[in-house]
Each structure stands twice: as structure tokens, then as C-alpha cells.
Amino acid sequence: AELVSIQPEEKNGDFIITKNQIEKALNGKSSEALIIRTLPNLDSKKHWNYSNTNPPYLLEEAAVFVREIGIKHRSE
């Protein structure tokens, strides 16, 4: 697995992760799995109530890119 840290961009009140951000973070590396850690990584995150919030998400172009470079998705 490859771990990358990305600061989501704010767009129309949403926090998004773009294809360009993922490409830049990977810097040519490839792996079967990708872990995206969002920034900032403040201590307050440990006690934050995430219910009814709007979490960051991948734009469609980013999700397609992740699939195209061979990242596998598996949920259990």
C-alpha cells in the first residue's frame, strides 16, 4: 500500500481531492492499494464528532485515475 497525505481543496463548500493532487502525491509510484490521509492533521481530530458533516471526497476524475493505475478497491 502507498500512503499519501493530501490537503483537500475547497470548492463550493465541499472539500475535494483531485486527480492532479493524487498524481503529485504518488510522484510516479504505483501500488495495489492507496491510503489517502487528509490534512491538516490536527490533534483536535482525535475528539471531533464527524456525524452530520461533509467529509472530503474524490472527484470522479480522481477515482477513474486511481482505477486506471491499478489500485484495487476492496471492502469487507
Protein backbone atom coordinates (compact mmCIF):
# COMPACT_ATOMS: atom_id res chain seq x y z
CA ALA A 1 0.00 0.00 0.00
CA GLU A 2 1.08 3.55 -0.64
CA LEU A 3 0.23 6.22 1.94
CA VAL A 4 -0.17 9.80 0.69
CA SER A 5 -1.11 12.97 2.56
CA ILE A 6 -3.34 15.43 0.73
CA GLN A 7 -4.86 18.77 1.70
CA PRO A 8 -8.33 18.71 0.10
CA GLU A 9 -9.26 21.76 -1.97
CA GLU A 10 -12.36 23.73 -1.06
CA LYS A 11 -14.84 24.13 -3.90
CA ASN A 12 -18.40 25.40 -3.46
CA GLY A 13 -18.43 24.49 0.24
CA ASP A 14 -17.11 20.97 -0.39
CA PHE A 15 -13.64 19.60 0.22
CA ILE A 16 -12.44 17.67 -2.81
CA ILE A 17 -9.45 15.57 -3.80
CA THR A 18 -8.42 15.94 -7.44
CA LYS A 19 -6.63 13.70 -9.90
CA ASN A 20 -3.77 16.20 -10.01
CA GLN A 21 -3.34 16.04 -6.23
CA ILE A 22 -3.17 12.24 -6.26
CA GLU A 23 -0.76 12.20 -9.21
CA LYS A 24 1.51 14.68 -7.48
CA ALA A 25 1.38 12.83 -4.16
CA LEU A 26 2.21 9.49 -5.78
CA ASN A 27 5.11 11.01 -7.71
CA GLY A 28 5.23 8.10 -10.17
CA LYS A 29 4.95 5.36 -7.53
CA SER A 30 2.49 2.54 -8.03
CA SER A 31 0.91 0.05 -5.68
CA GLU A 32 -2.14 -2.19 -5.42
CA ALA A 33 -3.55 -0.15 -2.54
CA LEU A 34 -3.75 3.56 -1.77
CA ILE A 35 -4.30 5.17 1.62
CA ILE A 36 -5.20 8.86 1.50
CA ARG A 37 -4.61 10.80 4.72
CA THR A 38 -6.26 14.22 4.62
CA LEU A 39 -4.56 17.27 6.04
CA PRO A 40 -4.40 19.22 8.24
CA ASN A 41 -3.83 16.51 10.79
CA LEU A 42 -4.60 18.44 13.97
CA ASP A 43 -4.85 16.92 17.45
CA SER A 44 -8.48 18.07 17.61
CA LYS A 45 -9.32 15.35 15.04
CA LYS A 46 -8.98 12.78 17.83
CA HIS A 47 -12.07 14.12 19.59
CA TRP A 48 -14.07 15.54 16.68
CA ASN A 49 -17.66 14.42 16.17
CA TYR A 50 -17.93 13.61 12.46
CA SER A 51 -21.68 12.92 12.47
CA ASN A 52 -23.66 15.09 10.03
CA THR A 53 -20.53 16.52 8.44
CA ASN A 54 -19.49 16.73 4.81
CA PRO A 55 -16.23 14.74 4.54
CA PRO A 56 -13.72 15.26 1.73
CA TYR A 57 -14.30 13.14 -1.36
CA LEU A 58 -12.60 12.17 -4.62
CA LEU A 59 -13.72 13.88 -7.78
CA GLU A 60 -14.80 11.44 -10.48
CA GLU A 61 -11.60 12.12 -12.49
CA ALA A 62 -9.54 11.20 -9.41
CA ALA A 63 -11.46 7.96 -8.85
CA VAL A 64 -11.06 6.99 -12.52
CA PHE A 65 -7.34 7.74 -12.35
CA VAL A 66 -6.93 5.57 -9.24
CA ARG A 67 -8.66 2.71 -11.03
CA GLU A 68 -6.64 3.20 -14.22
CA ILE A 69 -3.29 2.96 -12.43
CA GLY A 70 -4.23 -0.39 -10.95
CA ILE A 71 -5.31 0.49 -7.42
CA LYS A 72 -7.69 -2.21 -6.23
CA HIS A 73 -10.76 -1.45 -4.13
CA ARG A 74 -11.92 -3.98 -1.64
CA SER A 75 -14.38 -3.51 1.17
CA GLU A 76 -15.22 -6.08 3.81
